[in-house]
Amino acid sequence: MKELVEVIAKALVENPDEVEVIETEKDKAIVIELHVAQSDMGKVIGKKGRIAKAIRSVVKAASSQEEKKVIVDIL
């Protein structure tokens, strides 16, 4: 999942070198934290959060085989 989020984020931003993805596991969930440059934050979130929602939907679909919930946080 980490690689998927990283590829999507790097395709969206102007500073792909500043994209950082951290994956941690908690109880029955996997938390993926996405860090981007401040100037690229709007591109990752999108108007009314549409791009952020799309990223979360893609990750949810990709993780449907696993029994754990996947949470994507954009920081």
N, C-alpha and C. Protein backbone atom coordinates (compact mmCIF):
# COMPACT_ATOMS: atom_id res chain seq x y z
N MET A 1 0.81 -1.19 0.00
CA MET A 1 0.00 0.00 0.00
C MET A 1 0.86 1.26 0.00
N LYS A 2 1.97 1.19 0.72
CA LYS A 2 2.86 2.34 0.81
C LYS A 2 3.35 2.77 -0.57
N GLU A 3 3.74 1.79 -1.37
CA GLU A 3 4.26 2.09 -2.71
C GLU A 3 3.18 2.70 -3.59
N LEU A 4 1.96 2.21 -3.48
CA LEU A 4 0.85 2.73 -4.27
C LEU A 4 0.60 4.21 -3.97
N VAL A 5 0.54 4.56 -2.71
CA VAL A 5 0.31 5.95 -2.31
C VAL A 5 1.47 6.83 -2.77
N GLU A 6 2.69 6.30 -2.66
CA GLU A 6 3.87 7.07 -3.06
C GLU A 6 3.86 7.36 -4.56
N VAL A 7 3.52 6.38 -5.38
CA VAL A 7 3.47 6.56 -6.83
C VAL A 7 2.41 7.59 -7.22
N ILE A 8 1.24 7.49 -6.61
CA ILE A 8 0.15 8.43 -6.91
C ILE A 8 0.56 9.85 -6.51
N ALA A 9 1.10 10.01 -5.31
CA ALA A 9 1.46 11.33 -4.81
C ALA A 9 2.56 11.96 -5.66
N LYS A 10 3.57 11.18 -6.03
CA LYS A 10 4.66 11.74 -6.83
C LYS A 10 4.19 12.18 -8.21
N ALA A 11 3.17 11.54 -8.73
CA ALA A 11 2.63 11.93 -10.04
C ALA A 11 1.85 13.25 -9.95
N LEU A 12 1.36 13.58 -8.78
CA LEU A 12 0.53 14.78 -8.62
C LEU A 12 1.30 16.05 -8.30
N VAL A 13 2.42 15.93 -7.60
CA VAL A 13 3.10 17.10 -7.06
C VAL A 13 4.20 17.64 -7.97
N GLU A 14 4.63 18.87 -7.70
CA GLU A 14 5.73 19.47 -8.44
C GLU A 14 7.08 19.12 -7.84
N ASN A 15 7.11 18.78 -6.56
CA ASN A 15 8.35 18.42 -5.86
C ASN A 15 8.29 16.96 -5.42
N PRO A 16 8.48 16.01 -6.34
CA PRO A 16 8.36 14.60 -5.96
C PRO A 16 9.43 14.13 -4.97
N ASP A 17 10.54 14.87 -4.87
CA ASP A 17 11.59 14.48 -3.93
C ASP A 17 11.16 14.70 -2.48
N GLU A 18 10.18 15.56 -2.27
CA GLU A 18 9.74 15.86 -0.91
C GLU A 18 8.56 14.99 -0.45
N VAL A 19 8.16 14.05 -1.27
CA VAL A 19 7.07 13.15 -0.89
C VAL A 19 7.62 12.09 0.05
N GLU A 20 6.96 11.92 1.18
CA GLU A 20 7.37 10.92 2.16
C GLU A 20 6.13 10.14 2.61
N VAL A 21 6.22 8.83 2.58
CA VAL A 21 5.11 7.98 2.98
C VAL A 21 5.58 7.08 4.11
N ILE A 22 4.84 7.10 5.21
CA ILE A 22 5.17 6.28 6.38
C ILE A 22 4.00 5.34 6.64
N GLU A 23 4.29 4.06 6.74
CA GLU A 23 3.24 3.06 6.99
C GLU A 23 3.46 2.44 8.36
N THR A 24 2.42 2.48 9.20
CA THR A 24 2.48 1.88 10.53
C THR A 24 1.27 0.98 10.72
N GLU A 25 1.47 -0.06 11.52
CA GLU A 25 0.36 -0.98 11.81
C GLU A 25 -0.10 -0.80 13.24
N LYS A 26 -1.40 -0.72 13.41
CA LYS A 26 -2.02 -0.66 14.73
C LYS A 26 -3.11 -1.71 14.75
N ASP A 27 -3.39 -2.25 15.88
CA ASP A 27 -4.38 -3.30 16.09
C ASP A 27 -4.91 -3.94 14.80
N LYS A 28 -6.03 -3.47 14.30
CA LYS A 28 -6.62 -4.05 13.09
C LYS A 28 -6.64 -3.05 11.95
N ALA A 29 -5.66 -2.13 11.95
CA ALA A 29 -5.63 -1.10 10.92
C ALA A 29 -4.19 -0.82 10.48
N ILE A 30 -4.07 -0.39 9.25
CA ILE A 30 -2.80 0.07 8.72
C ILE A 30 -2.96 1.56 8.46
N VAL A 31 -2.08 2.36 9.05
CA VAL A 31 -2.14 3.81 8.89
C VAL A 31 -1.03 4.24 7.94
N ILE A 32 -1.40 4.92 6.87
CA ILE A 32 -0.44 5.43 5.90
C ILE A 32 -0.44 6.95 5.99
N GLU A 33 0.70 7.51 6.36
CA GLU A 33 0.84 8.97 6.48
C GLU A 33 1.57 9.50 5.26
N LEU A 34 0.97 10.46 4.59
CA LEU A 34 1.54 11.07 3.40
C LEU A 34 1.98 12.49 3.73
N HIS A 35 3.28 12.74 3.57
CA HIS A 35 3.84 14.07 3.80
C HIS A 35 4.29 14.63 2.45
N VAL A 36 3.85 15.84 2.12
CA VAL A 36 4.26 16.53 0.89
C VAL A 36 4.68 17.95 1.24
N ALA A 37 5.34 18.63 0.29
CA ALA A 37 5.73 20.02 0.49
C ALA A 37 4.49 20.88 0.69
N GLN A 38 4.64 21.93 1.45
CA GLN A 38 3.50 22.81 1.74
C GLN A 38 2.88 23.37 0.46
N SER A 39 3.73 23.67 -0.53
CA SER A 39 3.23 24.24 -1.79
C SER A 39 2.44 23.22 -2.61
N ASP A 40 2.63 21.93 -2.34
CA ASP A 40 1.93 20.88 -3.09
C ASP A 40 0.69 20.35 -2.37
N MET A 41 0.42 20.85 -1.20
CA MET A 41 -0.69 20.34 -0.40
C MET A 41 -2.02 20.46 -1.14
N GLY A 42 -2.25 21.57 -1.81
CA GLY A 42 -3.51 21.77 -2.53
C GLY A 42 -3.69 20.80 -3.68
N LYS A 43 -2.60 20.41 -4.31
CA LYS A 43 -2.68 19.48 -5.43
C LYS A 43 -3.03 18.07 -4.96
N VAL A 44 -2.58 17.72 -3.77
CA VAL A 44 -2.86 16.39 -3.24
C VAL A 44 -4.27 16.31 -2.67
N ILE A 45 -4.76 17.41 -2.11
CA ILE A 45 -6.10 17.43 -1.53
C ILE A 45 -7.16 17.67 -2.60
N GLY A 46 -6.92 18.60 -3.50
CA GLY A 46 -7.86 18.88 -4.58
C GLY A 46 -9.02 19.75 -4.11
N LYS A 47 -9.83 20.17 -5.08
CA LYS A 47 -11.00 20.99 -4.76
C LYS A 47 -12.00 20.16 -3.97
N LYS A 48 -12.40 20.70 -2.85
CA LYS A 48 -13.36 20.05 -1.94
C LYS A 48 -12.90 18.65 -1.53
N GLY A 49 -11.59 18.39 -1.58
CA GLY A 49 -11.05 17.12 -1.13
C GLY A 49 -11.25 15.97 -2.10
N ARG A 50 -11.53 16.26 -3.34
CA ARG A 50 -11.85 15.20 -4.31
C ARG A 50 -10.66 14.30 -4.59
N ILE A 51 -9.47 14.87 -4.72
CA ILE A 51 -8.30 14.04 -5.02
C ILE A 51 -7.94 13.18 -3.81
N ALA A 52 -8.00 13.76 -2.63
CA ALA A 52 -7.73 13.00 -1.41
C ALA A 52 -8.71 11.84 -1.28
N LYS A 53 -9.96 12.10 -1.57
CA LYS A 53 -10.99 11.05 -1.51
C LYS A 53 -10.71 9.96 -2.54
N ALA A 54 -10.26 10.37 -3.73
CA ALA A 54 -9.95 9.40 -4.79
C ALA A 54 -8.76 8.54 -4.38
N ILE A 55 -7.74 9.14 -3.78
CA ILE A 55 -6.58 8.36 -3.31
C ILE A 55 -7.03 7.34 -2.28
N ARG A 56 -7.86 7.77 -1.35
CA ARG A 56 -8.36 6.85 -0.32
C ARG A 56 -9.19 5.72 -0.93
N SER A 57 -9.98 6.03 -1.95
CA SER A 57 -10.80 5.01 -2.61
C SER A 57 -9.94 3.97 -3.32
N VAL A 58 -8.90 4.42 -3.99
CA VAL A 58 -8.00 3.51 -4.70
C VAL A 58 -7.29 2.60 -3.70
N VAL A 59 -6.82 3.16 -2.61
CA VAL A 59 -6.13 2.36 -1.59
C VAL A 59 -7.10 1.38 -0.95
N LYS A 60 -8.32 1.80 -0.71
CA LYS A 60 -9.32 0.90 -0.12
C LYS A 60 -9.61 -0.27 -1.06
N ALA A 61 -9.72 0.01 -2.35
CA ALA A 61 -9.97 -1.05 -3.32
C ALA A 61 -8.78 -2.00 -3.41
N ALA A 62 -7.58 -1.46 -3.36
CA ALA A 62 -6.38 -2.29 -3.45
C ALA A 62 -6.20 -3.15 -2.20
N SER A 63 -6.70 -2.68 -1.08
CA SER A 63 -6.51 -3.41 0.17
C SER A 63 -7.69 -4.32 0.51
N SER A 64 -8.61 -4.49 -0.40
CA SER A 64 -9.81 -5.29 -0.11
C SER A 64 -9.49 -6.75 0.18
N GLN A 65 -8.34 -7.23 -0.27
CA GLN A 65 -7.95 -8.62 -0.02
C GLN A 65 -7.47 -8.83 1.41
N GLU A 66 -6.98 -7.76 2.04
CA GLU A 66 -6.49 -7.87 3.41
C GLU A 66 -7.64 -7.73 4.39
N GLU A 67 -7.43 -8.25 5.58
CA GLU A 67 -8.48 -8.18 6.60
C GLU A 67 -8.34 -6.94 7.48
N LYS A 68 -7.39 -6.08 7.16
CA LYS A 68 -7.17 -4.89 7.96
C LYS A 68 -7.71 -3.66 7.26
N LYS A 69 -8.15 -2.70 8.05
CA LYS A 69 -8.63 -1.42 7.53
C LYS A 69 -7.42 -0.56 7.21
N VAL A 70 -7.46 0.16 6.10
CA VAL A 70 -6.35 1.03 5.72
C VAL A 70 -6.81 2.48 5.82
N ILE A 71 -6.04 3.28 6.54
CA ILE A 71 -6.35 4.69 6.75
C ILE A 71 -5.24 5.52 6.11
N VAL A 72 -5.62 6.48 5.26
CA VAL A 72 -4.65 7.36 4.61
C VAL A 72 -4.79 8.75 5.22
N ASP A 73 -3.72 9.23 5.86
CA ASP A 73 -3.70 10.58 6.43
C ASP A 73 -2.76 11.45 5.61
N ILE A 74 -3.22 12.61 5.21
CA ILE A 74 -2.40 13.55 4.47
C ILE A 74 -1.97 14.65 5.43
N LEU A 75 -0.66 14.72 5.65
CA LEU A 75 -0.13 15.67 6.63
C LEU A 75 0.74 16.71 5.96
